[in-house]
Amino acid sequence: MLNLRTQSGYSLVELIVGLAVLALLISLGIPEYSKFIANARIRAASEGIATGLNLARAEAVKRNARVELVLTDDLPVEAQVNIVTPSTAGANWIVREWVPSTNSFNFIEGKLGAEGSGREEASVTLASSSADATYDGRVTFNGFGAMTIGQPVSFQFTYPAAGACAADGGPMRCLNINVAPGGQIRVCDPKVTDTKDTRAC
């Protein structure tokens, strides 16, 4: 009686074809993955600033005091609360309360811009601006939750190293934060132009 054995496994040709297909899929997926990571960093950076703004406004109402968020490149620690240098493109932020009786600030919270956003690699850039000539990187809320300046403040988050913003025909979903004089804080997408869409700026 003839006993036939069957062999299991892959031939060298099958293995080479499989590796070639895998290499092709990886080469197609890496650019999309890089774009996904860059967009996630933009979102994380914008959420970090939005959190700070919401905290400053809530503390101003709760304490019935003047509370401000200060964008800065200095370390956002309590020791710097009275000497921090404001910057309209600062990577970090400090929330502090003005105390008139001591003519100084109380530290509430500070955050490094690099936390969660990849900004330590200078990847996500922030620019903030206002039509108010006194704006220098500080957004101050009064006890009613409104800003102390009469013009809106806008924060723009981009990732130039990964490409242009989608609004300019590039691959990046850049985001803006708009703060109205009344204190309303909105994260929006400049690519969305339909005014009925809640994501529109």
C-alpha atoms as a PDB file:
ATOM      1  CA  MET A   1       0.000   0.000   0.000  1.00  0.00           C
ATOM      2  CA  LEU A   2       1.301   3.401  -1.031  1.00  0.00           C
ATOM      3  CA  ASN A   3       1.379   5.986   1.761  1.00  0.00           C
ATOM      4  CA  LEU A   4       1.268   9.591   0.437  1.00  0.00           C
ATOM      5  CA  ARG A   5       2.325  12.428   2.644  1.00  0.00           C
ATOM      6  CA  THR A   6       1.019  15.934   2.072  1.00  0.00           C
ATOM      7  CA  GLN A   7       3.255  18.821   2.937  1.00  0.00           C
ATOM      8  CA  SER A   8       1.856  22.033   4.365  1.00  0.00           C
ATOM      9  CA  GLY A   9       3.521  25.444   4.179  1.00  0.00           C
ATOM     10  CA  TYR A  10       4.324  28.113   1.672  1.00  0.00           C
ATOM     11  CA  SER A  11       6.620  28.025  -1.273  1.00  0.00           C
ATOM     12  CA  LEU A  12       9.324  30.644  -1.720  1.00  0.00           C
ATOM     13  CA  VAL A  13       7.364  32.283  -4.546  1.00  0.00           C
ATOM     14  CA  GLU A  14       4.211  32.580  -2.388  1.00  0.00           C
ATOM     15  CA  LEU A  15       6.251  34.121   0.423  1.00  0.00           C
ATOM     16  CA  ILE A  16       7.865  36.699  -1.899  1.00  0.00           C
ATOM     17  CA  VAL A  17       4.481  37.656  -3.403  1.00  0.00           C
ATOM     18  CA  GLY A  18       2.993  38.034   0.079  1.00  0.00           C
ATOM     19  CA  LEU A  19       5.851  40.258   1.225  1.00  0.00           C
ATOM     20  CA  ALA A  20       5.544  42.386  -1.929  1.00  0.00           C
ATOM     21  CA  VAL A  21       1.822  42.927  -1.329  1.00  0.00           C
ATOM     22  CA  LEU A  22       2.496  43.803   2.327  1.00  0.00           C
ATOM     23  CA  ALA A  23       5.208  46.308   1.331  1.00  0.00           C
ATOM     24  CA  LEU A  24       2.828  47.919  -1.174  1.00  0.00           C
ATOM     25  CA  LEU A  25       0.060  48.279   1.424  1.00  0.00           C
ATOM     26  CA  ILE A  26       2.469  49.794   3.960  1.00  0.00           C
ATOM     27  CA  SER A  27       3.858  52.277   1.420  1.00  0.00           C
ATOM     28  CA  LEU A  28       0.310  53.391   0.567  1.00  0.00           C
ATOM     29  CA  GLY A  29      -0.744  53.650   4.212  1.00  0.00           C
ATOM     30  CA  ILE A  30       2.172  55.636   5.675  1.00  0.00           C
ATOM     31  CA  PRO A  31       1.226  59.020   4.116  1.00  0.00           C
ATOM     32  CA  GLU A  32      -2.384  58.676   5.316  1.00  0.00           C
ATOM     33  CA  TYR A  33      -1.211  57.685   8.789  1.00  0.00           C
ATOM     34  CA  SER A  34       1.141  60.696   8.905  1.00  0.00           C
ATOM     35  CA  LYS A  35      -1.733  62.983   7.902  1.00  0.00           C
ATOM     36  CA  PHE A  36      -3.945  61.404  10.585  1.00  0.00           C
ATOM     37  CA  ILE A  37      -1.280  62.004  13.269  1.00  0.00           C
ATOM     38  CA  ALA A  38      -0.763  65.634  12.168  1.00  0.00           C
ATOM     39  CA  ASN A  39      -4.509  66.329  12.251  1.00  0.00           C
ATOM     40  CA  ALA A  40      -4.760  64.689  15.684  1.00  0.00           C
ATOM     41  CA  ARG A  41      -2.000  67.000  16.958  1.00  0.00           C
ATOM     42  CA  ILE A  42      -3.831  70.060  15.637  1.00  0.00           C
ATOM     43  CA  ARG A  43      -7.009  68.928  17.399  1.00  0.00           C
ATOM     44  CA  ALA A  44      -5.142  68.223  20.665  1.00  0.00           C
ATOM     45  CA  ALA A  45      -3.482  71.654  20.606  1.00  0.00           C
ATOM     46  CA  SER A  46      -6.791  73.424  19.964  1.00  0.00           C
ATOM     47  CA  GLU A  47      -8.562  71.430  22.674  1.00  0.00           C
ATOM     48  CA  GLY A  48      -5.818  72.361  25.137  1.00  0.00           C
ATOM     49  CA  ILE A  49      -6.288  76.093  24.530  1.00  0.00           C
ATOM     50  CA  ALA A  50     -10.095  75.743  24.533  1.00  0.00           C
ATOM     51  CA  THR A  51      -9.864  73.999  27.914  1.00  0.00           C
ATOM     52  CA  GLY A  52      -7.760  76.841  29.296  1.00  0.00           C
ATOM     53  CA  LEU A  53     -10.150  79.487  27.981  1.00  0.00           C
ATOM     54  CA  ASN A  54     -13.189  77.701  29.422  1.00  0.00           C
ATOM     55  CA  LEU A  55     -11.394  77.309  32.752  1.00  0.00           C
ATOM     56  CA  ALA A  56     -10.493  81.014  32.862  1.00  0.00           C
ATOM     57  CA  ARG A  57     -14.067  82.069  32.077  1.00  0.00           C
ATOM     58  CA  ALA A  58     -15.597  79.659  34.621  1.00  0.00           C
ATOM     59  CA  GLU A  59     -13.179  80.782  37.348  1.00  0.00           C
ATOM     60  CA  ALA A  60     -13.919  84.448  36.601  1.00  0.00           C
ATOM     61  CA  VAL A  61     -17.642  83.856  37.117  1.00  0.00           C
ATOM     62  CA  LYS A  62     -17.135  81.613  40.149  1.00  0.00           C
ATOM     63  CA  ARG A  63     -14.751  84.033  41.894  1.00  0.00           C
ATOM     64  CA  ASN A  64     -16.472  87.180  40.587  1.00  0.00           C
ATOM     65  CA  ALA A  65     -13.001  88.405  39.712  1.00  0.00           C
ATOM     66  CA  ARG A  66     -10.803  89.225  36.732  1.00  0.00           C
ATOM     67  CA  VAL A  67      -9.237  85.990  35.502  1.00  0.00           C
ATOM     68  CA  GLU A  68      -7.038  85.697  32.447  1.00  0.00           C
ATOM     69  CA  LEU A  69      -5.473  83.094  30.231  1.00  0.00           C
ATOM     70  CA  VAL A  70      -1.959  84.120  29.204  1.00  0.00           C
ATOM     71  CA  LEU A  71      -0.265  82.541  26.196  1.00  0.00           C
ATOM     72  CA  THR A  72       3.457  82.387  26.871  1.00  0.00           C
ATOM     73  CA  ASP A  73       6.722  80.688  25.973  1.00  0.00           C
ATOM     74  CA  ASP A  74       7.745  80.749  29.656  1.00  0.00           C
ATOM     75  CA  LEU A  75       7.255  77.742  31.906  1.00  0.00           C
ATOM     76  CA  PRO A  76       3.621  77.706  33.098  1.00  0.00           C
ATOM     77  CA  VAL A  77       4.410  77.257  36.795  1.00  0.00           C
ATOM     78  CA  GLU A  78       3.270  79.100  39.915  1.00  0.00           C
ATOM     79  CA  ALA A  79       6.662  80.755  40.405  1.00  0.00           C
ATOM     80  CA  GLN A  80       6.176  82.590  37.077  1.00  0.00           C
ATOM     81  CA  VAL A  81       2.618  83.794  37.705  1.00  0.00           C
ATOM     82  CA  ASN A  82       3.532  87.478  38.218  1.00  0.00           C
ATOM     83  CA  ILE A  83       6.439  87.682  35.772  1.00  0.00           C
ATOM     84  CA  VAL A  84       5.222  85.570  32.849  1.00  0.00           C
ATOM     85  CA  THR A  85       5.743  87.197  29.430  1.00  0.00           C
ATOM     86  CA  PRO A  86       2.644  87.154  27.187  1.00  0.00           C
ATOM     87  CA  SER A  87       3.021  86.068  23.566  1.00  0.00           C
ATOM     88  CA  THR A  88       0.412  85.931  20.795  1.00  0.00           C
ATOM     89  CA  ALA A  89       2.019  82.699  19.557  1.00  0.00           C
ATOM     90  CA  GLY A  90       3.002  81.221  22.925  1.00  0.00           C
ATOM     91  CA  ALA A  91       3.299  77.459  23.202  1.00  0.00           C
ATOM     92  CA  ASN A  92       2.150  77.320  26.841  1.00  0.00           C
ATOM     93  CA  TRP A  93      -0.606  78.925  28.923  1.00  0.00           C
ATOM     94  CA  ILE A  94      -1.276  80.082  32.463  1.00  0.00           C
ATOM     95  CA  VAL A  95      -4.657  80.887  34.010  1.00  0.00           C
ATOM     96  CA  ARG A  96      -4.341  83.451  36.792  1.00  0.00           C
ATOM     97  CA  GLU A  97      -6.603  85.647  38.939  1.00  0.00           C
ATOM     98  CA  TRP A  98      -5.928  89.340  39.506  1.00  0.00           C
ATOM     99  CA  VAL A  99      -6.082  90.296  43.190  1.00  0.00           C
ATOM    100  CA  PRO A 100      -6.334  94.120  43.523  1.00  0.00           C
ATOM    101  CA  SER A 101      -5.674  94.141  47.291  1.00  0.00           C
ATOM    102  CA  THR A 102      -2.205  92.600  46.814  1.00  0.00           C
ATOM    103  CA  ASN A 103      -1.596  94.073  43.345  1.00  0.00           C
ATOM    104  CA  SER A 104      -0.574  90.608  42.142  1.00  0.00           C
ATOM    105  CA  PHE A 105      -1.899  87.420  40.569  1.00  0.00           C
ATOM    106  CA  ASN A 106      -2.997  84.102  42.067  1.00  0.00           C
ATOM    107  CA  PHE A 107      -1.988  81.020  40.089  1.00  0.00           C
ATOM    108  CA  ILE A 108      -4.916  78.825  39.053  1.00  0.00           C
ATOM    109  CA  GLU A 109      -3.485  76.429  36.464  1.00  0.00           C
ATOM    110  CA  GLY A 110      -0.793  76.159  33.817  1.00  0.00           C
ATOM    111  CA  LYS A 111      -0.168  73.816  30.925  1.00  0.00           C
ATOM    112  CA  LEU A 112       2.669  73.079  28.542  1.00  0.00           C
ATOM    113  CA  GLY A 113       1.515  73.291  24.935  1.00  0.00           C
ATOM    114  CA  ALA A 114       3.450  70.111  24.171  1.00  0.00           C
ATOM    115  CA  GLU A 115       1.132  68.001  26.330  1.00  0.00           C
ATOM    116  CA  GLY A 116      -0.661  65.715  23.891  1.00  0.00           C
ATOM    117  CA  SER A 117      -0.196  67.853  20.802  1.00  0.00           C
ATOM    118  CA  GLY A 118       3.352  67.164  19.681  1.00  0.00           C
ATOM    119  CA  ARG A 119       4.153  70.870  19.897  1.00  0.00           C
ATOM    120  CA  GLU A 120       7.556  70.068  21.444  1.00  0.00           C
ATOM    121  CA  GLU A 121       8.631  69.289  17.888  1.00  0.00           C
ATOM    122  CA  ALA A 122       7.415  72.729  16.725  1.00  0.00           C
ATOM    123  CA  SER A 123       4.917  70.908  14.560  1.00  0.00           C
ATOM    124  CA  VAL A 124       1.654  72.623  15.494  1.00  0.00           C
ATOM    125  CA  THR A 125       1.869  76.401  15.337  1.00  0.00           C
ATOM    126  CA  LEU A 126      -0.482  78.821  17.043  1.00  0.00           C
ATOM    127  CA  ALA A 127      -1.190  82.396  16.081  1.00  0.00           C
ATOM    128  CA  SER A 128      -3.687  84.544  17.938  1.00  0.00           C
ATOM    129  CA  SER A 129      -4.975  87.960  17.029  1.00  0.00           C
ATOM    130  CA  SER A 130      -7.571  90.608  17.730  1.00  0.00           C
ATOM    131  CA  ALA A 131      -8.598  93.920  16.196  1.00  0.00           C
ATOM    132  CA  ASP A 132      -8.141  95.396  19.689  1.00  0.00           C
ATOM    133  CA  ALA A 133      -4.726  97.086  19.805  1.00  0.00           C
ATOM    134  CA  THR A 134      -4.233  96.135  23.477  1.00  0.00           C
ATOM    135  CA  TYR A 135      -4.305  92.386  22.778  1.00  0.00           C
ATOM    136  CA  ASP A 136      -0.898  90.832  23.556  1.00  0.00           C
ATOM    137  CA  GLY A 137      -1.651  87.150  24.155  1.00  0.00           C
ATOM    138  CA  ARG A 138      -3.860  87.602  27.214  1.00  0.00           C
ATOM    139  CA  VAL A 139      -7.591  86.875  27.219  1.00  0.00           C
ATOM    140  CA  THR A 140      -9.138  88.415  30.331  1.00  0.00           C
ATOM    141  CA  PHE A 141     -12.646  87.618  31.581  1.00  0.00           C
ATOM    142  CA  ASN A 142     -14.613  89.669  34.118  1.00  0.00           C
ATOM    143  CA  GLY A 143     -16.984  88.378  36.803  1.00  0.00           C
ATOM    144  CA  PHE A 144     -19.820  88.141  34.251  1.00  0.00           C
ATOM    145  CA  GLY A 145     -17.779  85.851  31.969  1.00  0.00           C
ATOM    146  CA  ALA A 146     -17.298  88.505  29.269  1.00  0.00           C
ATOM    147  CA  MET A 147     -13.937  89.597  27.875  1.00  0.00           C
ATOM    148  CA  THR A 148     -12.537  92.907  29.062  1.00  0.00           C
ATOM    149  CA  ILE A 149     -11.690  93.974  25.501  1.00  0.00           C
ATOM    150  CA  GLY A 150     -14.392  94.911  23.027  1.00  0.00           C
ATOM    151  CA  GLN A 151     -13.146  92.922  20.026  1.00  0.00           C
ATOM    152  CA  PRO A 152     -13.170  89.155  19.330  1.00  0.00           C
ATOM    153  CA  VAL A 153      -9.971  87.151  19.742  1.00  0.00           C
ATOM    154  CA  SER A 154      -9.076  84.422  17.269  1.00  0.00           C
ATOM    155  CA  PHE A 155      -6.620  81.526  17.634  1.00  0.00           C
ATOM    156  CA  GLN A 156      -5.422  79.712  14.480  1.00  0.00           C
ATOM    157  CA  PHE A 157      -3.834  76.255  14.683  1.00  0.00           C
ATOM    158  CA  THR A 158      -1.790  75.013  11.697  1.00  0.00           C
ATOM    159  CA  TYR A 159       0.835  72.356  10.967  1.00  0.00           C
ATOM    160  CA  PRO A 160       3.085  73.860   8.232  1.00  0.00           C
ATOM    161  CA  ALA A 161       5.544  70.948   8.233  1.00  0.00           C
ATOM    162  CA  ALA A 162       2.759  68.544   7.200  1.00  0.00           C
ATOM    163  CA  GLY A 163       1.199  70.776   4.552  1.00  0.00           C
ATOM    164  CA  ALA A 164      -1.201  73.618   3.947  1.00  0.00           C
ATOM    165  CA  CYS A 165      -4.630  73.889   5.528  1.00  0.00           C
ATOM    166  CA  ALA A 166      -7.611  72.291   3.780  1.00  0.00           C
ATOM    167  CA  ALA A 167      -9.129  75.767   3.364  1.00  0.00           C
ATOM    168  CA  ASP A 168      -6.097  76.596   1.186  1.00  0.00           C
ATOM    169  CA  GLY A 169      -6.238  73.324  -0.771  1.00  0.00           C
ATOM    170  CA  GLY A 170      -3.859  71.359   1.478  1.00  0.00           C
ATOM    171  CA  PRO A 171      -4.293  68.117   3.451  1.00  0.00           C
ATOM    172  CA  MET A 172      -4.434  69.559   6.991  1.00  0.00           C
ATOM    173  CA  ARG A 173      -7.715  70.175   8.843  1.00  0.00           C
ATOM    174  CA  CYS A 174      -6.576  73.342  10.587  1.00  0.00           C
ATOM    175  CA  LEU A 175      -8.781  74.680  13.369  1.00  0.00           C
ATOM    176  CA  ASN A 176      -9.642  78.067  14.838  1.00  0.00           C
ATOM    177  CA  ILE A 177     -10.931  79.131  18.229  1.00  0.00           C
ATOM    178  CA  ASN A 178     -13.021  82.298  18.269  1.00  0.00           C
ATOM    179  CA  VAL A 179     -13.740  84.119  21.518  1.00  0.00           C
ATOM    180  CA  ALA A 180     -16.550  86.690  21.301  1.00  0.00           C
ATOM    181  CA  PRO A 181     -16.530  89.869  23.426  1.00  0.00           C
ATOM    182  CA  GLY A 182     -19.381  88.358  25.468  1.00  0.00           C
ATOM    183  CA  GLY A 183     -17.087  85.436  26.361  1.00  0.00           C
ATOM    184  CA  GLN A 184     -18.515  82.714  24.084  1.00  0.00           C
ATOM    185  CA  ILE A 185     -15.772  80.257  23.037  1.00  0.00           C
ATOM    186  CA  ARG A 186     -16.114  78.284  19.782  1.00  0.00           C
ATOM    187  CA  VAL A 187     -13.785  75.806  18.111  1.00  0.00           C
ATOM    188  CA  CYS A 188     -14.417  75.916  14.371  1.00  0.00           C
ATOM    189  CA  ASP A 189     -13.088  74.645  11.044  1.00  0.00           C
ATOM    190  CA  PRO A 190     -12.135  77.332   8.484  1.00  0.00           C
ATOM    191  CA  LYS A 191     -12.657  74.804   5.664  1.00  0.00           C
ATOM    192  CA  VAL A 192     -16.410  74.658   6.386  1.00  0.00           C
ATOM    193  CA  THR A 193     -18.083  77.536   4.552  1.00  0.00           C
ATOM    194  CA  ASP A 194     -21.768  76.626   4.974  1.00  0.00           C
ATOM    195  CA  THR A 195     -23.072  79.101   7.562  1.00  0.00           C
ATOM    196  CA  LYS A 196     -25.751  76.600   8.630  1.00  0.00           C
ATOM    197  CA  ASP A 197     -23.057  74.112   9.672  1.00  0.00           C
ATOM    198  CA  THR A 198     -22.122  74.446  13.353  1.00  0.00           C
ATOM    199  CA  ARG A 199     -18.460  73.733  12.510  1.00  0.00           C
ATOM    200  CA  ALA A 200     -18.200  76.862  10.337  1.00  0.00           C
ATOM    201  CA  CYS A 201     -16.174  79.854  11.495  1.00  0.00           C
END
